[in-house]
Amino acid sequence: GKSTYLEKNAKDDWLYFDATLCAPKRRKHLLKLVAKADIKKVCVYLDTPADVCVSRNAARTADRRVPKATIDQMFERLIAPVVGEGFDEVITVTYP
């Protein structure tokens, strides 16, 4: 998901964080780090169904696999990002 999107879409002038940040509280930390920088703050939100995430996770090598309980917990806590958090733009990429 995230890494694949970045491989296909990242630009040379991007500073990006490839992370799963499910709630505003988690994203706030990163936004504080770049708050005073004269850069455009864009969040790319990959809106992928839980079953697809579980399937992709199962295909990972054992050392990269995340416990299903962790994925379930992340989806329970998920709050989609919005501009009001401090982003200049939120791009939502919906799973086809």
C-alpha atoms as a PDB file:
ATOM      1  CA  GLY A   1       0.000   0.000   0.000  1.00  0.00           C
ATOM      2  CA  LYS A   2       1.960   2.978   1.343  1.00  0.00           C
ATOM      3  CA  SER A   3       5.390   2.075   0.039  1.00  0.00           C
ATOM      4  CA  THR A   4       4.011   1.091  -3.359  1.00  0.00           C
ATOM      5  CA  TYR A   5       2.135   4.394  -3.627  1.00  0.00           C
ATOM      6  CA  LEU A   6       5.306   6.318  -2.809  1.00  0.00           C
ATOM      7  CA  GLU A   7       7.373   4.355  -5.322  1.00  0.00           C
ATOM      8  CA  LYS A   8       4.925   5.331  -8.065  1.00  0.00           C
ATOM      9  CA  ASN A   9       4.055   8.889  -7.020  1.00  0.00           C
ATOM     10  CA  ALA A  10       6.771  10.478  -4.871  1.00  0.00           C
ATOM     11  CA  LYS A  11       8.528  13.553  -6.192  1.00  0.00           C
ATOM     12  CA  ASP A  12      12.139  14.598  -5.601  1.00  0.00           C
ATOM     13  CA  ASP A  13      11.111  17.596  -3.501  1.00  0.00           C
ATOM     14  CA  TRP A  14       8.909  15.557  -1.144  1.00  0.00           C
ATOM     15  CA  LEU A  15       9.770  14.911   2.461  1.00  0.00           C
ATOM     16  CA  TYR A  16       7.551  12.039   3.444  1.00  0.00           C
ATOM     17  CA  PHE A  17       6.750   9.789   6.356  1.00  0.00           C
ATOM     18  CA  ASP A  18       5.809   6.252   5.388  1.00  0.00           C
ATOM     19  CA  ALA A  19       3.837   5.421   8.498  1.00  0.00           C
ATOM     20  CA  THR A  20       0.461   4.227   9.682  1.00  0.00           C
ATOM     21  CA  LEU A  21      -0.928   7.085  11.728  1.00  0.00           C
ATOM     22  CA  CYS A  22      -4.530   6.154  12.475  1.00  0.00           C
ATOM     23  CA  ALA A  23      -5.611   9.128  14.558  1.00  0.00           C
ATOM     24  CA  PRO A  24      -5.116  12.902  14.727  1.00  0.00           C
ATOM     25  CA  LYS A  25      -3.182  12.537  17.983  1.00  0.00           C
ATOM     26  CA  ARG A  26      -0.527  10.459  16.187  1.00  0.00           C
ATOM     27  CA  ARG A  27      -0.360  12.785  13.171  1.00  0.00           C
ATOM     28  CA  LYS A  28      -0.120  15.882  15.390  1.00  0.00           C
ATOM     29  CA  HIS A  29       3.454  14.988  16.360  1.00  0.00           C
ATOM     30  CA  LEU A  30       4.649  15.014  12.754  1.00  0.00           C
ATOM     31  CA  LEU A  31       2.718  18.169  11.930  1.00  0.00           C
ATOM     32  CA  LYS A  32       4.433  19.932  14.839  1.00  0.00           C
ATOM     33  CA  LEU A  33       7.832  18.961  13.425  1.00  0.00           C
ATOM     34  CA  VAL A  34       7.087  20.705  10.134  1.00  0.00           C
ATOM     35  CA  ALA A  35       4.723  23.441  11.356  1.00  0.00           C
ATOM     36  CA  LYS A  36       7.130  26.333  10.792  1.00  0.00           C
ATOM     37  CA  ALA A  37       8.657  24.988   7.594  1.00  0.00           C
ATOM     38  CA  ASP A  38       7.695  26.813   4.432  1.00  0.00           C
ATOM     39  CA  ILE A  39       6.410  23.673   2.740  1.00  0.00           C
ATOM     40  CA  LYS A  40       3.065  22.349   1.620  1.00  0.00           C
ATOM     41  CA  LYS A  41       1.798  19.745   4.087  1.00  0.00           C
ATOM     42  CA  VAL A  42      -0.067  17.037   2.201  1.00  0.00           C
ATOM     43  CA  CYS A  43      -1.469  13.838   3.662  1.00  0.00           C
ATOM     44  CA  VAL A  44      -2.046  10.904   1.329  1.00  0.00           C
ATOM     45  CA  TYR A  45      -4.716   8.719   2.917  1.00  0.00           C
ATOM     46  CA  LEU A  46      -4.938   5.214   1.482  1.00  0.00           C
ATOM     47  CA  ASP A  47      -8.536   4.157   2.110  1.00  0.00           C
ATOM     48  CA  THR A  48      -8.151   0.382   1.954  1.00  0.00           C
ATOM     49  CA  PRO A  49     -10.692  -2.095   3.380  1.00  0.00           C
ATOM     50  CA  ALA A  50      -9.603  -4.137   6.403  1.00  0.00           C
ATOM     51  CA  ASP A  51      -9.968  -7.464   4.578  1.00  0.00           C
ATOM     52  CA  VAL A  52      -7.574  -6.281   1.871  1.00  0.00           C
ATOM     53  CA  CYS A  53      -5.047  -5.213   4.518  1.00  0.00           C
ATOM     54  CA  VAL A  54      -5.328  -8.604   6.225  1.00  0.00           C
ATOM     55  CA  SER A  55      -4.840 -10.383   2.898  1.00  0.00           C
ATOM     56  CA  ARG A  56      -1.783  -8.291   1.982  1.00  0.00           C
ATOM     57  CA  ASN A  57      -0.356  -8.826   5.438  1.00  0.00           C
ATOM     58  CA  ALA A  58      -0.726 -12.609   5.104  1.00  0.00           C
ATOM     59  CA  ALA A  59       1.353 -12.462   1.922  1.00  0.00           C
ATOM     60  CA  ARG A  60       4.254 -10.773   3.702  1.00  0.00           C
ATOM     61  CA  THR A  61       7.267 -12.688   4.926  1.00  0.00           C
ATOM     62  CA  ALA A  62       6.983 -13.829   8.539  1.00  0.00           C
ATOM     63  CA  ASP A  63       9.428 -11.192   9.778  1.00  0.00           C
ATOM     64  CA  ARG A  64       7.299  -8.380   8.279  1.00  0.00           C
ATOM     65  CA  ARG A  65       3.858  -9.737   9.204  1.00  0.00           C
ATOM     66  CA  VAL A  66       1.733  -7.789  11.679  1.00  0.00           C
ATOM     67  CA  PRO A  67      -0.538  -9.685  14.102  1.00  0.00           C
ATOM     68  CA  LYS A  68      -4.181  -9.618  12.937  1.00  0.00           C
ATOM     69  CA  ALA A  69      -5.203  -8.254  16.341  1.00  0.00           C
ATOM     70  CA  THR A  70      -2.995  -5.222  15.675  1.00  0.00           C
ATOM     71  CA  ILE A  71      -4.659  -4.611  12.314  1.00  0.00           C
ATOM     72  CA  ASP A  72      -8.111  -4.955  13.906  1.00  0.00           C
ATOM     73  CA  GLN A  73      -7.144  -2.487  16.645  1.00  0.00           C
ATOM     74  CA  MET A  74      -5.862   0.032  14.112  1.00  0.00           C
ATOM     75  CA  PHE A  75      -9.128  -0.099  12.166  1.00  0.00           C
ATOM     76  CA  GLU A  76     -11.134   0.343  15.383  1.00  0.00           C
ATOM     77  CA  ARG A  77      -9.179   3.518  16.159  1.00  0.00           C
ATOM     78  CA  LEU A  78      -9.023   4.844  12.591  1.00  0.00           C
ATOM     79  CA  ILE A  79     -10.032   8.467  12.107  1.00  0.00           C
ATOM     80  CA  ALA A  80      -9.554   9.657   8.540  1.00  0.00           C
ATOM     81  CA  PRO A  81      -7.309  12.740   8.203  1.00  0.00           C
ATOM     82  CA  VAL A  82      -8.774  16.165   7.439  1.00  0.00           C
ATOM     83  CA  VAL A  83      -7.284  19.505   6.414  1.00  0.00           C
ATOM     84  CA  GLY A  84      -8.281  21.012   9.775  1.00  0.00           C
ATOM     85  CA  GLU A  85      -5.570  18.992  11.529  1.00  0.00           C
ATOM     86  CA  GLY A  86      -2.914  21.180   9.941  1.00  0.00           C
ATOM     87  CA  PHE A  87      -2.591  19.757   6.453  1.00  0.00           C
ATOM     88  CA  ASP A  88      -2.791  22.014   3.420  1.00  0.00           C
ATOM     89  CA  GLU A  89      -4.344  19.167   1.472  1.00  0.00           C
ATOM     90  CA  VAL A  90      -5.574  15.612   2.064  1.00  0.00           C
ATOM     91  CA  ILE A  91      -5.504  13.268  -0.924  1.00  0.00           C
ATOM     92  CA  THR A  92      -7.694  10.201  -0.470  1.00  0.00           C
ATOM     93  CA  VAL A  93      -6.759   7.201  -2.578  1.00  0.00           C
ATOM     94  CA  THR A  94      -9.670   4.767  -2.495  1.00  0.00           C
ATOM     95  CA  TYR A  95      -9.006   1.078  -3.054  1.00  0.00           C
ATOM     96  CA  PRO A  96     -10.516   0.135  -6.428  1.00  0.00           C
END
